[in-house]
Amino acid sequence: MSTNLSANATIAPTTDSLDVPDELTAADSKLVYLFVTVSDGVTVDELQSSLDIRKISLFPVLDTLSDRGLIDRIDDEYVAAS
């Protein structure tokens, strides 16, 4: 699929883009943070199958995001911090 833009065309940034906190430097942390942020709640099993990250790697990432106040754990699901 190809899109042709004229030389004078500008692309405006979208207002619905998500910002990743500057403190997140690891790719896994950024990926998990974004996935949790756009979901209505996600379990570790859903993260593992969707992102193809092993559980042993997910738990430290989730703990770090939780400790930094970026996500919350409610029962068995992780959600974006309010």
PDB file of N, CA and C in Angstrom:
ATOM      1  N   MET A   1       0.848  -1.163   0.000  1.00  0.00           N
ATOM      2  CA  MET A   1       0.000   0.000   0.000  1.00  0.00           C
ATOM      3  C   MET A   1       0.900   1.234   0.000  1.00  0.00           C
ATOM      4  N   SER A   2       0.652   2.140  -0.883  1.00  0.00           N
ATOM      5  CA  SER A   2       1.480   3.322  -1.022  1.00  0.00           C
ATOM      6  C   SER A   2       0.634   4.566  -0.824  1.00  0.00           C
ATOM      7  N   THR A   3       1.201   5.554  -0.154  1.00  0.00           N
ATOM      8  CA  THR A   3       0.516   6.818   0.056  1.00  0.00           C
ATOM      9  C   THR A   3       1.340   7.908  -0.585  1.00  0.00           C
ATOM     10  N   ASN A   4       0.726   8.686  -1.436  1.00  0.00           N
ATOM     11  CA  ASN A   4       1.416   9.793  -2.075  1.00  0.00           C
ATOM     12  C   ASN A   4       1.097  11.080  -1.350  1.00  0.00           C
ATOM     13  N   LEU A   5       2.134  11.802  -0.945  1.00  0.00           N
ATOM     14  CA  LEU A   5       1.967  13.087  -0.298  1.00  0.00           C
ATOM     15  C   LEU A   5       2.653  14.132  -1.152  1.00  0.00           C
ATOM     16  N   SER A   6       2.020  15.271  -1.287  1.00  0.00           N
ATOM     17  CA  SER A   6       2.659  16.342  -2.046  1.00  0.00           C
ATOM     18  C   SER A   6       3.827  16.899  -1.244  1.00  0.00           C
ATOM     19  N   ALA A   7       4.692  17.611  -1.903  1.00  0.00           N
ATOM     20  CA  ALA A   7       5.864  18.174  -1.242  1.00  0.00           C
ATOM     21  C   ALA A   7       5.476  19.175  -0.160  1.00  0.00           C
ATOM     22  N   ASN A   8       4.313  19.786  -0.269  1.00  0.00           N
ATOM     23  CA  ASN A   8       3.866  20.779   0.703  1.00  0.00           C
ATOM     24  C   ASN A   8       3.040  20.177   1.834  1.00  0.00           C
ATOM     25  N   ALA A   9       2.763  18.893   1.761  1.00  0.00           N
ATOM     26  CA  ALA A   9       1.914  18.252   2.766  1.00  0.00           C
ATOM     27  C   ALA A   9       2.667  18.128   4.082  1.00  0.00           C
ATOM     28  N   THR A  10       1.952  18.368   5.148  1.00  0.00           N
ATOM     29  CA  THR A  10       2.517  18.160   6.477  1.00  0.00           C
ATOM     30  C   THR A  10       1.656  17.150   7.204  1.00  0.00           C
ATOM     31  N   ILE A  11       2.280  16.430   8.065  1.00  0.00           N
ATOM     32  CA  ILE A  11       1.557  15.427   8.840  1.00  0.00           C
ATOM     33  C   ILE A  11       1.486  15.939  10.270  1.00  0.00           C
ATOM     34  N   ALA A  12       0.269  16.174  10.716  1.00  0.00           N
ATOM     35  CA  ALA A  12       0.068  16.687  12.072  1.00  0.00           C
ATOM     36  C   ALA A  12       0.120  15.533  13.059  1.00  0.00           C
ATOM     37  N   PRO A  13       0.731  15.743  14.213  1.00  0.00           N
ATOM     38  CA  PRO A  13       0.726  14.681  15.223  1.00  0.00           C
ATOM     39  C   PRO A  13      -0.687  14.446  15.729  1.00  0.00           C
ATOM     40  N   THR A  14      -0.967  13.216  16.082  1.00  0.00           N
ATOM     41  CA  THR A  14      -2.299  12.893  16.594  1.00  0.00           C
ATOM     42  C   THR A  14      -2.363  13.242  18.071  1.00  0.00           C
ATOM     43  N   THR A  15      -3.545  13.581  18.516  1.00  0.00           N
ATOM     44  CA  THR A  15      -3.722  13.929  19.925  1.00  0.00           C
ATOM     45  C   THR A  15      -3.973  12.705  20.782  1.00  0.00           C
ATOM     46  N   ASP A  16      -4.163  11.559  20.151  1.00  0.00           N
ATOM     47  CA  ASP A  16      -4.429  10.356  20.916  1.00  0.00           C
ATOM     48  C   ASP A  16      -3.199   9.465  21.040  1.00  0.00           C
ATOM     49  N   SER A  17      -2.030  10.000  20.815  1.00  0.00           N
ATOM     50  CA  SER A  17      -0.813   9.209  20.953  1.00  0.00           C
ATOM     51  C   SER A  17      -0.497   9.013  22.431  1.00  0.00           C
ATOM     52  N   LEU A  18       0.241   7.981  22.709  1.00  0.00           N
ATOM     53  CA  LEU A  18       0.600   7.671  24.087  1.00  0.00           C
ATOM     54  C   LEU A  18       2.047   8.040  24.334  1.00  0.00           C
ATOM     55  N   ASP A  19       2.285   8.659  25.449  1.00  0.00           N
ATOM     56  CA  ASP A  19       3.647   8.993  25.836  1.00  0.00           C
ATOM     57  C   ASP A  19       4.171   7.926  26.780  1.00  0.00           C
ATOM     58  N   VAL A  20       5.389   7.517  26.527  1.00  0.00           N
ATOM     59  CA  VAL A  20       6.061   6.581  27.419  1.00  0.00           C
ATOM     60  C   VAL A  20       6.898   7.410  28.383  1.00  0.00           C
ATOM     61  N   PRO A  21       6.765   7.166  29.679  1.00  0.00           N
ATOM     62  CA  PRO A  21       7.559   7.929  30.642  1.00  0.00           C
ATOM     63  C   PRO A  21       9.057   7.825  30.336  1.00  0.00           C
ATOM     64  N   ASP A  22       9.765   8.934  30.471  1.00  0.00           N
ATOM     65  CA  ASP A  22      11.200   8.979  30.192  1.00  0.00           C
ATOM     66  C   ASP A  22      11.992   8.008  31.058  1.00  0.00           C
ATOM     67  N   GLU A  23      11.481   7.711  32.240  1.00  0.00           N
ATOM     68  CA  GLU A  23      12.204   6.821  33.149  1.00  0.00           C
ATOM     69  C   GLU A  23      12.246   5.375  32.660  1.00  0.00           C
ATOM     70  N   LEU A  24      11.398   5.035  31.691  1.00  0.00           N
ATOM     71  CA  LEU A  24      11.410   3.679  31.135  1.00  0.00           C
ATOM     72  C   LEU A  24      12.408   3.629  29.990  1.00  0.00           C
ATOM     73  N   THR A  25      13.445   2.843  30.169  1.00  0.00           N
ATOM     74  CA  THR A  25      14.472   2.755  29.134  1.00  0.00           C
ATOM     75  C   THR A  25      14.519   1.393  28.466  1.00  0.00           C
ATOM     76  N   ALA A  26      14.119   0.355  29.162  1.00  0.00           N
ATOM     77  CA  ALA A  26      14.159  -1.000  28.607  1.00  0.00           C
ATOM     78  C   ALA A  26      12.978  -1.224  27.665  1.00  0.00           C
ATOM     79  N   ALA A  27      13.245  -1.904  26.569  1.00  0.00           N
ATOM     80  CA  ALA A  27      12.207  -2.160  25.564  1.00  0.00           C
ATOM     81  C   ALA A  27      11.036  -2.942  26.153  1.00  0.00           C
ATOM     82  N   ASP A  28      11.316  -3.961  26.963  1.00  0.00           N
ATOM     83  CA  ASP A  28      10.236  -4.747  27.564  1.00  0.00           C
ATOM     84  C   ASP A  28       9.355  -3.883  28.460  1.00  0.00           C
ATOM     85  N   SER A  29       9.958  -3.001  29.226  1.00  0.00           N
ATOM     86  CA  SER A  29       9.181  -2.122  30.111  1.00  0.00           C
ATOM     87  C   SER A  29       8.272  -1.207  29.312  1.00  0.00           C
ATOM     88  N   LYS A  30       8.807  -0.643  28.245  1.00  0.00           N
ATOM     89  CA  LYS A  30       8.003   0.234  27.400  1.00  0.00           C
ATOM     90  C   LYS A  30       6.846  -0.526  26.765  1.00  0.00           C
ATOM     91  N   LEU A  31       7.139  -1.712  26.247  1.00  0.00           N
ATOM     92  CA  LEU A  31       6.121  -2.518  25.580  1.00  0.00           C
ATOM     93  C   LEU A  31       5.010  -2.925  26.542  1.00  0.00           C
ATOM     94  N   VAL A  32       5.392  -3.415  27.709  1.00  0.00           N
ATOM     95  CA  VAL A  32       4.395  -3.837  28.703  1.00  0.00           C
ATOM     96  C   VAL A  32       3.586  -2.632  29.170  1.00  0.00           C
ATOM     97  N   TYR A  33       4.250  -1.519  29.435  1.00  0.00           N
ATOM     98  CA  TYR A  33       3.545  -0.307  29.861  1.00  0.00           C
ATOM     99  C   TYR A  33       2.499   0.110  28.831  1.00  0.00           C
ATOM    100  N   LEU A  34       2.885   0.160  27.572  1.00  0.00           N
ATOM    101  CA  LEU A  34       1.938   0.560  26.522  1.00  0.00           C
ATOM    102  C   LEU A  34       0.780  -0.420  26.402  1.00  0.00           C
ATOM    103  N   PHE A  35       1.084  -1.706  26.473  1.00  0.00           N
ATOM    104  CA  PHE A  35       0.030  -2.720  26.354  1.00  0.00           C
ATOM    105  C   PHE A  35      -0.970  -2.596  27.497  1.00  0.00           C
ATOM    106  N   VAL A  36      -0.474  -2.443  28.708  1.00  0.00           N
ATOM    107  CA  VAL A  36      -1.366  -2.304  29.869  1.00  0.00           C
ATOM    108  C   VAL A  36      -2.167  -1.016  29.757  1.00  0.00           C
ATOM    109  N   THR A  37      -1.526   0.053  29.305  1.00  0.00           N
ATOM    110  CA  THR A  37      -2.189   1.353  29.207  1.00  0.00           C
ATOM    111  C   THR A  37      -3.369   1.336  28.243  1.00  0.00           C
ATOM    112  N   VAL A  38      -3.257   0.621  27.145  1.00  0.00           N
ATOM    113  CA  VAL A  38      -4.342   0.613  26.158  1.00  0.00           C
ATOM    114  C   VAL A  38      -5.384  -0.462  26.436  1.00  0.00           C
ATOM    115  N   SER A  39      -5.128  -1.319  27.401  1.00  0.00           N
ATOM    116  CA  SER A  39      -6.101  -2.368  27.716  1.00  0.00           C
ATOM    117  C   SER A  39      -7.004  -1.927  28.861  1.00  0.00           C
ATOM    118  N   ASP A  40      -8.102  -2.628  29.010  1.00  0.00           N
ATOM    119  CA  ASP A  40      -9.025  -2.365  30.119  1.00  0.00           C
ATOM    120  C   ASP A  40      -8.661  -3.186  31.343  1.00  0.00           C
ATOM    121  N   GLY A  41      -7.596  -3.891  31.266  1.00  0.00           N
ATOM    122  CA  GLY A  41      -7.148  -4.804  32.309  1.00  0.00           C
ATOM    123  C   GLY A  41      -6.603  -6.045  31.630  1.00  0.00           C
ATOM    124  N   VAL A  42      -5.442  -6.459  32.043  1.00  0.00           N
ATOM    125  CA  VAL A  42      -4.798  -7.580  31.370  1.00  0.00           C
ATOM    126  C   VAL A  42      -4.107  -8.463  32.406  1.00  0.00           C
ATOM    127  N   THR A  43      -4.204  -9.755  32.221  1.00  0.00           N
ATOM    128  CA  THR A  43      -3.562 -10.706  33.120  1.00  0.00           C
ATOM    129  C   THR A  43      -2.154 -11.020  32.622  1.00  0.00           C
ATOM    130  N   VAL A  44      -1.375 -11.652  33.484  1.00  0.00           N
ATOM    131  CA  VAL A  44      -0.025 -12.059  33.101  1.00  0.00           C
ATOM    132  C   VAL A  44      -0.085 -13.034  31.929  1.00  0.00           C
ATOM    133  N   ASP A  45      -1.042 -13.952  31.951  1.00  0.00           N
ATOM    134  CA  ASP A  45      -1.180 -14.913  30.854  1.00  0.00           C
ATOM    135  C   ASP A  45      -1.476 -14.211  29.531  1.00  0.00           C
ATOM    136  N   GLU A  46      -2.320 -13.193  29.576  1.00  0.00           N
ATOM    137  CA  GLU A  46      -2.641 -12.437  28.356  1.00  0.00           C
ATOM    138  C   GLU A  46      -1.421 -11.659  27.864  1.00  0.00           C
ATOM    139  N   LEU A  47      -0.673 -11.085  28.792  1.00  0.00           N
ATOM    140  CA  LEU A  47       0.556 -10.387  28.400  1.00  0.00           C
ATOM    141  C   LEU A  47       1.544 -11.350  27.763  1.00  0.00           C
ATOM    142  N   GLN A  48       1.702 -12.506  28.390  1.00  0.00           N
ATOM    143  CA  GLN A  48       2.648 -13.497  27.883  1.00  0.00           C
ATOM    144  C   GLN A  48       2.287 -13.930  26.466  1.00  0.00           C
ATOM    145  N   SER A  49       1.040 -14.249  26.235  1.00  0.00           N
ATOM    146  CA  SER A  49       0.643 -14.739  24.916  1.00  0.00           C
ATOM    147  C   SER A  49       0.609 -13.621  23.871  1.00  0.00           C
ATOM    148  N   SER A  50       0.233 -12.436  24.263  1.00  0.00           N
ATOM    149  CA  SER A  50       0.138 -11.333  23.309  1.00  0.00           C
ATOM    150  C   SER A  50       1.493 -10.753  22.948  1.00  0.00           C
ATOM    151  N   LEU A  51       2.379 -10.642  23.927  1.00  0.00           N
ATOM    152  CA  LEU A  51       3.666  -9.999  23.703  1.00  0.00           C
ATOM    153  C   LEU A  51       4.805 -10.984  23.480  1.00  0.00           C
ATOM    154  N   ASP A  52       4.528 -12.255  23.693  1.00  0.00           N
ATOM    155  CA  ASP A  52       5.542 -13.303  23.529  1.00  0.00           C
ATOM    156  C   ASP A  52       6.753 -13.032  24.422  1.00  0.00           C
ATOM    157  N   ILE A  53       6.463 -12.690  25.677  1.00  0.00           N
ATOM    158  CA  ILE A  53       7.501 -12.501  26.684  1.00  0.00           C
ATOM    159  C   ILE A  53       7.261 -13.553  27.760  1.00  0.00           C
ATOM    160  N   ARG A  54       8.310 -14.238  28.159  1.00  0.00           N
ATOM    161  CA  ARG A  54       8.177 -15.292  29.168  1.00  0.00           C
ATOM    162  C   ARG A  54       7.761 -14.693  30.513  1.00  0.00           C
ATOM    163  N   LYS A  55       6.993 -15.483  31.263  1.00  0.00           N
ATOM    164  CA  LYS A  55       6.510 -15.022  32.571  1.00  0.00           C
ATOM    165  C   LYS A  55       7.657 -14.637  33.495  1.00  0.00           C
ATOM    166  N   ILE A  56       8.732 -15.384  33.450  1.00  0.00           N
ATOM    167  CA  ILE A  56       9.863 -15.105  34.327  1.00  0.00           C
ATOM    168  C   ILE A  56      10.456 -13.719  34.041  1.00  0.00           C
ATOM    169  N   SER A  57      10.258 -13.226  32.827  1.00  0.00           N
ATOM    170  CA  SER A  57      10.710 -11.880  32.470  1.00  0.00           C
ATOM    171  C   SER A  57       9.633 -10.831  32.741  1.00  0.00           C
ATOM    172  N   LEU A  58       8.378 -11.239  32.685  1.00  0.00           N
ATOM    173  CA  LEU A  58       7.266 -10.297  32.885  1.00  0.00           C
ATOM    174  C   LEU A  58       7.144  -9.821  34.330  1.00  0.00           C
ATOM    175  N   PHE A  59       7.311 -10.717  35.282  1.00  0.00           N
ATOM    176  CA  PHE A  59       7.072 -10.357  36.678  1.00  0.00           C
ATOM    177  C   PHE A  59       7.966  -9.219  37.167  1.00  0.00           C
ATOM    178  N   PRO A  60       9.271  -9.232  36.880  1.00  0.00           N
ATOM    179  CA  PRO A  60      10.078  -8.076  37.315  1.00  0.00           C
ATOM    180  C   PRO A  60       9.670  -6.769  36.635  1.00  0.00           C
ATOM    181  N   VAL A  61       9.267  -6.840  35.381  1.00  0.00           N
ATOM    182  CA  VAL A  61       8.816  -5.643  34.661  1.00  0.00           C
ATOM    183  C   VAL A  61       7.544  -5.112  35.308  1.00  0.00           C
ATOM    184  N   LEU A  62       6.595  -5.985  35.578  1.00  0.00           N
ATOM    185  CA  LEU A  62       5.342  -5.577  36.207  1.00  0.00           C
ATOM    186  C   LEU A  62       5.589  -5.006  37.602  1.00  0.00           C
ATOM    187  N   ASP A  63       6.492  -5.631  38.353  1.00  0.00           N
ATOM    188  CA  ASP A  63       6.829  -5.121  39.689  1.00  0.00           C
ATOM    189  C   ASP A  63       7.424  -3.720  39.611  1.00  0.00           C
ATOM    190  N   THR A  64       8.330  -3.510  38.659  1.00  0.00           N
ATOM    191  CA  THR A  64       8.954  -2.197  38.490  1.00  0.00           C
ATOM    192  C   THR A  64       7.928  -1.144  38.105  1.00  0.00           C
ATOM    193  N   LEU A  65       7.068  -1.467  37.140  1.00  0.00           N
ATOM    194  CA  LEU A  65       6.035  -0.514  36.712  1.00  0.00           C
ATOM    195  C   LEU A  65       5.084  -0.198  37.854  1.00  0.00           C
ATOM    196  N   SER A  66       4.781  -1.200  38.642  1.00  0.00           N
ATOM    197  CA  SER A  66       3.899  -1.016  39.805  1.00  0.00           C
ATOM    198  C   SER A  66       4.577  -0.156  40.870  1.00  0.00           C
ATOM    199  N   ASP A  67       5.837  -0.457  41.173  1.00  0.00           N
ATOM    200  CA  ASP A  67       6.587   0.299  42.177  1.00  0.00           C
ATOM    201  C   ASP A  67       6.717   1.770  41.797  1.00  0.00           C
ATOM    202  N   ARG A  68       6.810   2.050  40.512  1.00  0.00           N
ATOM    203  CA  ARG A  68       6.949   3.432  40.038  1.00  0.00           C
ATOM    204  C   ARG A  68       5.601   4.145  39.900  1.00  0.00           C
ATOM    205  N   GLY A  69       4.510   3.428  40.223  1.00  0.00           N
ATOM    206  CA  GLY A  69       3.185   4.040  40.186  1.00  0.00           C
ATOM    207  C   GLY A  69       2.623   4.217  38.788  1.00  0.00           C
ATOM    208  N   LEU A  70       3.131   3.441  37.836  1.00  0.00           N
ATOM    209  CA  LEU A  70       2.671   3.571  36.454  1.00  0.00           C
ATOM    210  C   LEU A  70       1.509   2.638  36.131  1.00  0.00           C
ATOM    211  N   ILE A  71       1.445   1.511  36.836  1.00  0.00           N
ATOM    212  CA  ILE A  71       0.331   0.572  36.665  1.00  0.00           C
ATOM    213  C   ILE A  71      -0.105   0.113  38.049  1.00  0.00           C
ATOM    214  N   ASP A  72      -1.316  -0.408  38.117  1.00  0.00           N
ATOM    215  CA  ASP A  72      -1.856  -0.949  39.362  1.00  0.00           C
ATOM    216  C   ASP A  72      -2.276  -2.386  39.127  1.00  0.00           C
ATOM    217  N   ARG A  73      -2.186  -3.186  40.186  1.00  0.00           N
ATOM    218  CA  ARG A  73      -2.691  -4.560  40.123  1.00  0.00           C
ATOM    219  C   ARG A  73      -4.002  -4.607  40.883  1.00  0.00           C
ATOM    220  N   ILE A  74      -5.038  -5.066  40.188  1.00  0.00           N
ATOM    221  CA  ILE A  74      -6.356  -5.236  40.799  1.00  0.00           C
ATOM    222  C   ILE A  74      -6.739  -6.694  40.604  1.00  0.00           C
ATOM    223  N   ASP A  75      -6.752  -7.411  41.714  1.00  0.00           N
ATOM    224  CA  ASP A  75      -6.958  -8.871  41.706  1.00  0.00           C
ATOM    225  C   ASP A  75      -5.884  -9.496  40.819  1.00  0.00           C
ATOM    226  N   ASP A  76      -6.262 -10.140  39.732  1.00  0.00           N
ATOM    227  CA  ASP A  76      -5.259 -10.797  38.883  1.00  0.00           C
ATOM    228  C   ASP A  76      -4.990 -10.021  37.594  1.00  0.00           C
ATOM    229  N   GLU A  77      -5.446  -8.775  37.541  1.00  0.00           N
ATOM    230  CA  GLU A  77      -5.254  -7.964  36.333  1.00  0.00           C
ATOM    231  C   GLU A  77      -4.408  -6.719  36.623  1.00  0.00           C
ATOM    232  N   TYR A  78      -3.709  -6.284  35.593  1.00  0.00           N
ATOM    233  CA  TYR A  78      -2.947  -5.050  35.667  1.00  0.00           C
ATOM    234  C   TYR A  78      -3.661  -4.008  34.831  1.00  0.00           C
ATOM    235  N   VAL A  79      -3.753  -2.789  35.371  1.00  0.00           N
ATOM    236  CA  VAL A  79      -4.413  -1.681  34.698  1.00  0.00           C
ATOM    237  C   VAL A  79      -3.523  -0.448  34.792  1.00  0.00           C
ATOM    238  N   ALA A  80      -3.780   0.519  33.934  1.00  0.00           N
ATOM    239  CA  ALA A  80      -3.051   1.787  34.003  1.00  0.00           C
ATOM    240  C   ALA A  80      -3.361   2.467  35.314  1.00  0.00           C
ATOM    241  N   ALA A  81      -2.358   3.074  35.911  1.00  0.00           N
ATOM    242  CA  ALA A  81      -2.560   3.786  37.170  1.00  0.00           C
ATOM    243  C   ALA A  81      -3.473   4.979  36.936  1.00  0.00           C
ATOM    244  N   SER A  82      -4.326   5.228  37.923  1.00  0.00           N
ATOM    245  CA  SER A  82      -5.258   6.345  37.777  1.00  0.00           C
ATOM    246  C   SER A  82      -4.695   7.638  38.276  1.00  0.00           C
TER     247      SER A  82
END
